[in-house]
Amino acid sequence: MPSYRVHRLKETSRQQFRWAPHASGMATAKQKDYESSHLFNSTSPYALWMALRGTENALQVGDLLELEGSGELRILKYIGFEEARWYVPEVLTPAVSVQVEVR
């Protein structure tokens, strides 16, 4: 049975997430906005969502599920679970300076 690690959206970021316009497709999440939580065994993200409903560990909009072993992420939105990935900042390479000789 697959194991899912729950990443809880921090409360400071939750209101911003709730009021942001919905965009379909892959979501990008910043690790600084999440706290790693429990690991649960479940057959699917929806089965886990149903199992946790009504408990103190219930999933909330904006929370992420990470499939252990593969690193696959799913984010809970109002319409269900959608694919997500962690934000990776772009590495800037130093600019190459060219010296021009002026005569």
Protein backbone atom coordinates (compact mmCIF):
# COMPACT_ATOMS: atom_id res chain seq x y z
CA MET A 1 0.00 0.00 0.00
CA PRO A 2 1.42 3.43 -0.90
CA SER A 3 2.54 5.82 1.84
CA TYR A 4 1.82 9.53 1.66
CA ARG A 5 3.69 12.24 3.59
CA VAL A 6 1.42 15.18 4.41
CA HIS A 7 2.87 18.67 4.06
CA ARG A 8 0.66 21.21 5.84
CA LEU A 9 0.40 24.71 4.42
CA LYS A 10 1.41 27.22 7.10
CA GLU A 11 -1.45 29.39 8.32
CA THR A 12 0.35 32.55 7.22
CA SER A 13 0.22 31.30 3.62
CA ARG A 14 -3.20 29.62 3.76
CA GLN A 15 -5.27 32.82 3.42
CA GLN A 16 -3.22 33.91 0.42
CA PHE A 17 -3.77 30.50 -1.19
CA ARG A 18 -7.51 30.59 -0.51
CA TRP A 19 -7.99 33.99 -2.15
CA ALA A 20 -5.73 33.39 -5.15
CA PRO A 21 -7.48 32.75 -8.46
CA HIS A 22 -7.73 29.08 -9.36
CA ALA A 23 -5.34 28.01 -12.07
CA SER A 24 -5.66 24.54 -13.51
CA GLY A 25 -2.62 22.48 -14.32
CA MET A 26 0.53 21.82 -12.35
CA ALA A 27 0.96 23.92 -9.21
CA THR A 28 4.32 25.07 -7.91
CA ALA A 29 4.79 25.09 -4.13
CA LYS A 30 7.56 26.68 -2.07
CA GLN A 31 8.93 24.45 0.69
CA LYS A 32 9.20 27.44 3.05
CA ASP A 33 5.38 27.67 3.07
CA TYR A 34 4.91 24.08 4.31
CA GLU A 35 5.55 22.00 7.40
CA SER A 36 6.14 18.27 6.99
CA SER A 37 3.62 16.25 8.98
CA HIS A 38 2.53 12.63 9.35
CA LEU A 39 3.05 9.67 7.05
CA PHE A 40 -0.12 7.74 6.19
CA ASN A 41 -0.76 4.52 4.27
CA SER A 42 -3.60 4.73 1.77
CA THR A 43 -4.58 3.37 -1.63
CA SER A 44 -4.97 6.87 -3.16
CA PRO A 45 -4.99 10.57 -2.24
CA TYR A 46 -8.81 10.56 -2.30
CA ALA A 47 -9.00 7.51 -0.01
CA LEU A 48 -6.68 9.30 2.43
CA TRP A 49 -8.76 12.47 2.22
CA MET A 50 -11.90 10.46 3.05
CA ALA A 51 -10.20 8.59 5.91
CA LEU A 52 -9.00 11.81 7.54
CA ARG A 53 -12.24 13.77 7.11
CA GLY A 54 -13.71 14.81 10.42
CA THR A 55 -10.51 14.09 12.38
CA GLU A 56 -7.96 16.50 13.82
CA ASN A 57 -5.64 15.49 10.94
CA ALA A 58 -8.17 16.36 8.20
CA LEU A 59 -6.62 17.65 4.99
CA GLN A 60 -7.28 21.30 4.17
CA VAL A 61 -7.19 23.18 0.90
CA GLY A 62 -3.56 23.93 0.05
CA ASP A 63 -2.09 20.88 1.79
CA LEU A 64 0.26 18.63 -0.18
CA LEU A 65 0.56 14.85 -0.32
CA GLU A 66 3.94 13.40 -1.29
CA LEU A 67 4.09 9.80 -2.45
CA GLU A 68 6.96 8.24 -0.52
CA GLY A 69 9.71 6.85 -2.68
CA SER A 70 8.78 8.67 -5.88
CA GLY A 71 8.51 12.25 -4.63
CA GLU A 72 5.27 12.71 -6.62
CA LEU A 73 3.27 15.64 -5.19
CA ARG A 74 -0.48 16.29 -5.19
CA ILE A 75 -2.01 19.51 -3.90
CA LEU A 76 -5.54 19.66 -2.49
CA LYS A 77 -7.59 22.34 -4.22
CA TYR A 78 -11.31 23.07 -4.07
CA ILE A 79 -11.86 20.84 -7.10
CA GLY A 80 -9.78 17.91 -5.82
CA PHE A 81 -6.15 16.86 -6.05
CA GLU A 82 -3.92 18.22 -8.79
CA GLU A 83 -0.30 17.61 -9.72
CA ALA A 84 2.28 19.81 -8.00
CA ARG A 85 6.02 20.25 -7.79
CA TRP A 86 8.44 22.00 -5.48
CA TYR A 87 9.72 25.40 -6.60
CA VAL A 88 13.38 25.26 -7.59
CA PRO A 89 15.00 28.68 -7.91
CA GLU A 90 16.80 29.34 -11.15
CA VAL A 91 20.57 29.27 -10.80
CA LEU A 92 22.02 32.35 -12.39
CA THR A 93 25.37 31.90 -14.06
CA PRO A 94 27.77 34.81 -13.84
CA ALA A 95 27.87 36.92 -16.95
CA VAL A 96 31.00 36.64 -19.03
CA SER A 97 32.62 40.02 -19.44
CA VAL A 98 34.26 40.82 -22.72
CA GLN A 99 36.88 43.50 -22.86
CA VAL A 100 36.88 45.55 -25.99
CA GLU A 101 39.98 47.49 -26.92
CA VAL A 102 39.15 50.95 -28.24
CA ARG A 103 41.80 52.73 -30.36
